[in-house]
């Protein structure tokens, strides 16, 4: 008897441009002890997927070679708290661009009331990333001021909403007046068009910043530091405009600044399980109350993952791009 098969998306040749993403037929994954099998209904697309497609972000040991870090769907084979038919959103190490995916049962969360699969698929990667970096590493608290760059990216729109839900003042930056306007519509208190405005000057005029979430990198470091209040924290999650900075030690000492950052995907299964539990306790109520919503710009069918990647690379999106399986 033949093993069950499924459609998944592979990178033709191992790496390449968006057009290298092709549907293939592969064996359906089989869950191990402690894992659940999910019938994927939607899969979020993230910038790390683009990097992996280009050959710059290999999956961690044991993760599927195929792309996809977050999905939403129905449990087919249960484990832990989950039984067949449960609707879940899950954080994956890979393999989400497919009709089925397996994941550690502890890394799945119930889909919040009122959300469909497409909306839910856009939450795990961004919510986990923002929670770990802004609230844990950055230590953002109610009453503090938070600044996020890339305000209309998937991370940006989530960070704006989560920081506001937590009671922080939010300064958001984006390239272009339209993106600044969209950041205000998402709840930012101050929005800055970095093509015409100096974000450090505006942040200083607003009283300074306690926490910066930066995915730009070296190009913004000096202004990030200038924008900080005493005791402020800069948290890096990417380095799209330079990965090496020169540290002005005296300025860091004078401000008692903390420079930190992290990645999510290589973390241990236990650490991701701990994050999932905290997110369900703290963030999921914000989602169910409408304080944090899934912002999906555009959807593509699974077979057109190439088109979805090309659209994300163009940079005109607001929020998430999602594949529907």
Protein backbone atom coordinates (compact mmCIF):
# COMPACT_ATOMS: atom_id res chain seq x y z
CA UNK A 1 0.00 0.00 0.00
CA UNK A 2 1.44 3.35 -1.06
CA UNK A 3 2.18 5.90 1.64
CA UNK A 4 -0.12 8.94 1.66
CA UNK A 5 1.25 11.82 -0.38
CA UNK A 6 0.69 15.57 -0.46
CA UNK A 7 1.56 18.70 -2.36
CA UNK A 8 4.38 20.80 -0.95
CA UNK A 9 6.50 23.65 -2.29
CA UNK A 10 10.17 22.99 -3.03
CA UNK A 11 12.96 25.24 -4.26
CA UNK A 12 14.00 23.95 -7.67
CA UNK A 13 17.78 23.54 -7.72
CA UNK A 14 18.02 24.01 -3.97
CA UNK A 15 18.12 27.81 -4.10
CA UNK A 16 17.15 30.60 -6.45
CA UNK A 17 14.71 33.43 -7.22
CA UNK A 18 11.02 33.39 -6.41
CA UNK A 19 10.34 31.58 -9.68
CA UNK A 20 12.31 28.59 -8.35
CA UNK A 21 9.43 27.74 -6.00
CA UNK A 22 7.52 24.82 -7.52
CA UNK A 23 4.75 22.49 -6.31
CA UNK A 24 5.95 18.89 -5.86
CA UNK A 25 4.37 15.67 -4.64
CA UNK A 26 6.03 14.26 -1.53
CA UNK A 27 5.20 11.80 1.23
CA UNK A 28 2.91 13.09 3.94
CA UNK A 29 4.88 13.63 7.17
CA UNK A 30 4.33 11.23 10.05
CA UNK A 31 4.19 12.70 13.56
CA UNK A 32 6.60 11.40 16.20
CA UNK A 33 5.78 11.10 19.90
CA UNK A 34 4.58 14.44 21.21
CA UNK A 35 3.87 15.82 17.72
CA UNK A 36 0.59 16.55 15.96
CA UNK A 37 -0.26 16.28 12.28
CA UNK A 38 -2.05 19.35 10.92
CA UNK A 39 -4.10 19.61 7.74
CA UNK A 40 -2.75 22.99 6.67
CA UNK A 41 -5.37 25.45 5.50
CA UNK A 42 -3.12 28.52 5.39
CA UNK A 43 0.59 29.27 5.80
CA UNK A 44 2.18 32.63 6.54
CA UNK A 45 5.14 33.91 4.54
CA UNK A 46 8.04 35.56 6.34
CA UNK A 47 11.32 37.19 5.33
CA UNK A 48 13.34 34.26 6.71
CA UNK A 49 11.59 32.14 4.06
CA UNK A 50 13.01 34.44 1.39
CA UNK A 51 16.47 34.11 2.89
CA UNK A 52 16.18 30.32 3.03
CA UNK A 53 15.07 30.22 -0.60
CA UNK A 54 18.22 32.16 -1.51
CA UNK A 55 20.39 29.75 0.44
CA UNK A 56 21.22 32.07 3.37
CA UNK A 57 19.07 30.64 6.19
CA UNK A 58 19.32 26.84 6.44
CA UNK A 59 16.77 25.03 8.61
CA UNK A 60 17.90 23.85 12.05
CA UNK A 61 18.77 20.16 12.53
CA UNK A 62 15.71 17.95 12.32
CA UNK A 63 13.49 20.54 10.60
CA UNK A 64 12.06 19.92 7.12
CA UNK A 65 14.04 21.33 4.19
CA UNK A 66 10.90 22.92 2.78
CA UNK A 67 9.85 26.47 3.66
CA UNK A 68 7.18 27.71 6.02
CA UNK A 69 7.43 28.78 9.67
CA UNK A 70 3.76 29.21 10.59
CA UNK A 71 0.47 27.56 9.68
CA UNK A 72 -3.15 27.31 10.67
CA UNK A 73 -5.38 24.32 10.12
CA UNK A 74 -7.10 21.31 11.67
CA UNK A 75 -5.50 18.62 13.77
CA UNK A 76 -5.54 15.24 12.01
CA UNK A 77 -3.51 13.23 14.52
CA UNK A 78 -3.56 14.56 18.06
CA UNK A 79 -1.11 14.57 20.95
CA UNK A 80 -0.90 16.34 24.28
CA UNK A 81 -3.89 18.67 24.67
CA UNK A 82 -4.99 18.31 21.03
CA UNK A 83 -7.47 15.93 19.44
CA UNK A 84 -8.53 15.42 15.82
CA UNK A 85 -10.60 18.30 14.51
CA UNK A 86 -9.14 21.00 16.77
CA UNK A 87 -8.43 24.30 15.00
CA UNK A 88 -4.88 25.43 15.68
CA UNK A 89 -2.22 27.92 14.67
CA UNK A 90 1.35 26.69 15.05
CA UNK A 91 4.96 27.81 14.96
CA UNK A 92 7.11 25.46 12.86
CA UNK A 93 10.80 24.88 12.27
CA UNK A 94 9.93 24.48 8.59
CA UNK A 95 7.61 22.64 6.22
CA UNK A 96 4.58 24.91 6.36
CA UNK A 97 4.24 25.38 2.58
CA UNK A 98 2.39 22.09 2.24
CA UNK A 99 -0.99 20.43 2.62
CA UNK A 100 0.10 18.76 5.87
CA UNK A 101 2.67 19.61 8.53
CA UNK A 102 3.88 18.10 11.80
CA UNK A 103 4.80 20.12 14.85
CA UNK A 104 5.56 19.70 18.54
CA UNK A 105 2.13 19.74 20.20
CA UNK A 106 3.38 22.38 22.64
CA UNK A 107 4.06 24.83 19.78
CA UNK A 108 0.42 24.96 18.66
CA UNK A 109 -2.16 27.38 20.00
CA UNK A 110 -5.95 27.44 19.67
CA UNK A 111 -7.15 29.77 16.94
CA UNK A 112 -8.58 32.81 18.74
CA UNK A 113 -12.34 33.26 18.55
CA UNK A 114 -13.44 35.21 15.50
CA UNK A 115 -10.37 34.46 13.34
CA UNK A 116 -10.38 32.32 10.21
CA UNK A 117 -7.50 30.11 9.11
CA UNK A 118 -5.96 32.79 6.88
CA UNK A 119 -5.87 35.37 9.65
CA UNK A 120 -4.60 32.86 12.20
CA UNK A 121 -1.77 31.72 9.93
CA UNK A 122 -0.36 35.25 9.99
CA UNK A 123 0.08 35.35 13.77
CA UNK A 124 2.57 32.78 15.16
CA UNK A 125 5.91 33.87 13.69
CA UNK A 126 5.33 37.58 14.20
CA UNK A 127 3.71 37.31 17.64
CA UNK A 128 6.42 34.96 18.96
CA UNK A 129 9.13 37.23 17.55
CA UNK A 130 7.66 40.43 18.97
CA UNK A 131 6.87 38.92 22.36
CA UNK A 132 10.35 37.41 22.78
CA UNK A 133 12.22 40.48 21.60
CA UNK A 134 10.14 43.48 22.65
CA UNK A 135 8.68 42.24 25.92
CA UNK A 136 11.28 39.74 27.13
CA UNK A 137 14.64 40.96 25.77
CA UNK A 138 13.54 44.60 25.51
CA UNK A 139 11.54 44.57 28.74
CA UNK A 140 8.90 46.98 27.41
CA UNK A 141 6.45 48.06 30.11
CA UNK A 142 3.27 50.11 30.27
CA UNK A 143 4.00 53.83 30.18
CA UNK A 144 7.26 53.45 28.24
CA UNK A 145 7.91 54.62 24.68
CA UNK A 146 8.53 52.05 21.96
CA UNK A 147 9.90 52.66 18.47
CA UNK A 148 9.63 50.14 15.64
CA UNK A 149 11.16 50.40 12.18
CA UNK A 150 9.53 48.78 9.15
CA UNK A 151 6.13 49.73 10.51
CA UNK A 152 4.06 48.13 7.75
CA UNK A 153 5.91 44.81 7.65
CA UNK A 154 4.37 41.74 9.24
CA UNK A 155 6.53 42.28 12.31
CA UNK A 156 5.86 46.02 12.32
CA UNK A 157 2.07 45.86 12.31
CA UNK A 158 2.13 43.23 15.06
CA UNK A 159 4.64 45.18 17.16
CA UNK A 160 2.59 48.39 16.96
CA UNK A 161 -0.56 46.65 18.14
CA UNK A 162 1.07 44.57 20.88
CA UNK A 163 2.93 47.56 22.30
CA UNK A 164 -0.28 49.62 22.37
CA UNK A 165 -2.16 46.74 23.99
CA UNK A 166 0.51 46.66 26.69
CA UNK A 167 0.06 50.37 27.41
CA UNK A 168 3.14 51.80 25.69
CA UNK A 169 3.46 54.90 23.52
CA UNK A 170 4.42 53.87 19.96
CA UNK A 171 6.61 55.66 17.43
CA UNK A 172 6.67 53.90 14.06
CA UNK A 173 8.86 54.54 11.03
CA UNK A 174 8.43 53.61 7.40
CA UNK A 175 9.75 54.59 4.01
CA UNK A 176 7.15 56.89 2.43
CA UNK A 177 4.22 59.02 3.49
CA UNK A 178 1.75 56.22 2.70
CA UNK A 179 3.46 53.82 5.07
CA UNK A 180 3.57 56.46 7.79
CA UNK A 181 -0.16 57.04 7.35
CA UNK A 182 -0.82 53.30 7.51
CA UNK A 183 1.16 53.07 10.75
CA UNK A 184 -1.08 55.72 12.31
CA UNK A 185 -4.14 53.80 11.17
CA UNK A 186 -2.75 50.71 12.94
CA UNK A 187 -2.55 52.62 16.21
CA UNK A 188 0.90 54.26 16.29
CA UNK A 189 0.96 57.52 18.26
CA UNK A 190 3.66 59.04 16.05
CA UNK A 191 4.57 57.93 12.51
CA UNK A 192 7.71 59.03 10.69
CA UNK A 193 8.49 58.97 6.98
CA UNK A 194 12.21 58.20 6.99
CA UNK A 195 12.60 59.38 3.39
CA UNK A 196 11.89 62.98 4.43
CA UNK A 197 12.18 63.09 8.24
CA UNK A 198 14.90 62.42 10.83
CA UNK A 199 13.50 59.80 13.18
CA UNK A 200 16.11 60.48 15.88
CA UNK A 201 15.22 64.18 16.04
CA UNK A 202 11.49 63.45 16.20
CA UNK A 203 11.97 60.75 18.83
CA UNK A 204 14.03 63.16 20.95
CA UNK A 205 11.34 65.81 20.60
CA UNK A 206 8.83 63.20 21.85
CA UNK A 207 10.91 62.67 24.98
CA UNK A 208 13.06 59.79 23.80
CA UNK A 209 12.58 56.06 23.43
CA UNK A 210 12.84 53.20 25.94
CA UNK A 211 12.86 50.30 23.48
CA UNK A 212 13.72 50.16 19.76
CA UNK A 213 12.88 47.13 17.63
CA UNK A 214 15.21 47.22 14.62
CA UNK A 215 15.35 45.05 11.52
CA UNK A 216 17.37 47.56 9.46
CA UNK A 217 20.75 47.14 11.12
CA UNK A 218 23.90 49.22 10.85
CA UNK A 219 22.38 52.03 8.79
CA UNK A 220 20.10 53.03 11.68
CA UNK A 221 22.33 52.31 14.67
CA UNK A 222 23.65 55.84 15.35
CA UNK A 223 20.18 57.36 15.20
CA UNK A 224 18.70 54.57 17.31
CA UNK A 225 21.27 55.31 19.99
CA UNK A 226 20.60 59.05 19.75
CA UNK A 227 16.87 58.43 20.17
CA UNK A 228 17.29 56.37 23.35
CA UNK A 229 16.44 57.55 26.82
CA UNK A 230 18.86 56.74 29.63
CA UNK A 231 18.53 53.01 30.28
CA UNK A 232 17.06 52.39 26.82
CA UNK A 233 17.27 49.12 24.90
CA UNK A 234 17.89 48.45 21.20
CA UNK A 235 16.76 45.01 20.08
CA UNK A 236 17.87 43.60 16.72
CA UNK A 237 15.94 40.95 14.81
CA UNK A 238 17.52 41.45 11.36
CA UNK A 239 20.19 43.48 9.57
CA UNK A 240 18.79 44.32 6.16
CA UNK A 241 21.04 47.39 5.79
CA UNK A 242 24.29 46.23 7.32
CA UNK A 243 25.24 43.59 9.86
CA UNK A 244 28.32 45.19 11.43
CA UNK A 245 28.36 48.29 13.63
CA UNK A 246 31.04 50.28 15.42
CA UNK A 247 30.09 50.75 19.07
CA UNK A 248 30.65 54.19 20.62
CA UNK A 249 31.45 52.82 24.07
CA UNK A 250 31.32 56.13 25.92
CA UNK A 251 27.88 56.98 24.51
CA UNK A 252 26.59 53.54 25.51
CA UNK A 253 28.01 54.00 29.02
CA UNK A 254 26.52 57.46 29.39
CA UNK A 255 23.06 56.25 28.40
CA UNK A 256 23.40 52.90 30.17
CA UNK A 257 22.14 51.51 26.88
CA UNK A 258 21.54 47.82 26.25
CA UNK A 259 22.15 46.44 22.74
CA UNK A 260 20.66 43.00 22.25
CA UNK A 261 18.87 40.80 19.73
CA UNK A 262 17.84 37.26 18.99
CA UNK A 263 16.61 34.74 16.46
CA UNK A 264 13.57 32.54 16.99
CA UNK A 265 13.96 29.51 14.75
CA UNK A 266 17.06 27.90 16.36
CA UNK A 267 15.63 28.02 19.89
CA UNK A 268 15.06 24.71 21.66
CA UNK A 269 11.70 22.96 21.60
CA UNK A 270 11.34 23.57 25.33
CA UNK A 271 12.03 27.29 24.94
CA UNK A 272 9.45 27.61 22.16
CA UNK A 273 6.97 25.73 24.34
CA UNK A 274 7.60 28.20 27.17
CA UNK A 275 7.05 31.13 24.78
CA UNK A 276 3.84 29.56 23.45
CA UNK A 277 2.42 29.23 26.95
CA UNK A 278 3.26 32.85 27.79
CA UNK A 279 1.78 34.08 24.52
CA UNK A 280 -1.44 32.16 25.10
CA UNK A 281 -1.64 33.68 28.59
CA UNK A 282 -0.78 37.28 27.70
CA UNK A 283 -1.23 37.96 23.97
CA UNK A 284 -4.13 35.70 22.98
CA UNK A 285 -6.55 37.66 25.20
CA UNK A 286 -5.46 40.84 23.37
CA UNK A 287 -6.28 39.12 20.06
CA UNK A 288 -9.68 37.94 21.28
CA UNK A 289 -10.44 41.43 22.60
CA UNK A 290 -9.61 42.96 19.19
CA UNK A 291 -6.59 44.88 20.52
CA UNK A 292 -4.27 42.85 18.27
CA UNK A 293 -5.60 41.78 14.91
CA UNK A 294 -4.16 39.79 12.07
CA UNK A 295 -3.48 42.16 9.17
CA UNK A 296 -3.39 40.17 5.92
CA UNK A 297 -2.53 42.19 2.83
CA UNK A 298 -2.93 39.50 0.18
CA UNK A 299 -3.43 35.76 -0.20
CA UNK A 300 -2.10 33.39 -2.85
CA UNK A 301 -2.91 29.74 -3.55
CA UNK A 302 -0.28 27.29 -2.33
CA UNK A 303 0.69 26.46 -5.91
CA UNK A 304 1.60 30.12 -6.51
CA UNK A 305 4.15 30.44 -3.71
CA UNK A 306 6.44 31.99 -6.33
CA UNK A 307 3.99 34.85 -6.85
CA UNK A 308 3.63 35.34 -3.12
CA UNK A 309 7.40 35.60 -2.65
CA UNK A 310 7.70 38.06 -5.52
CA UNK A 311 4.95 40.20 -4.01
CA UNK A 312 6.60 40.22 -0.58
CA UNK A 313 9.98 41.09 -2.09
CA UNK A 314 8.43 44.08 -3.88
CA UNK A 315 7.88 45.64 -0.44
CA UNK A 316 4.52 47.33 -0.99
CA UNK A 317 2.60 45.07 1.39
CA UNK A 318 1.00 46.09 4.69
CA UNK A 319 1.02 43.22 7.16
CA UNK A 320 1.15 39.58 6.11
CA UNK A 321 1.14 37.63 2.86
CA UNK A 322 -0.49 34.21 3.28
CA UNK A 323 -0.69 31.04 1.22
CA UNK A 324 -4.02 29.22 1.21
CA UNK A 325 -3.86 25.45 0.92
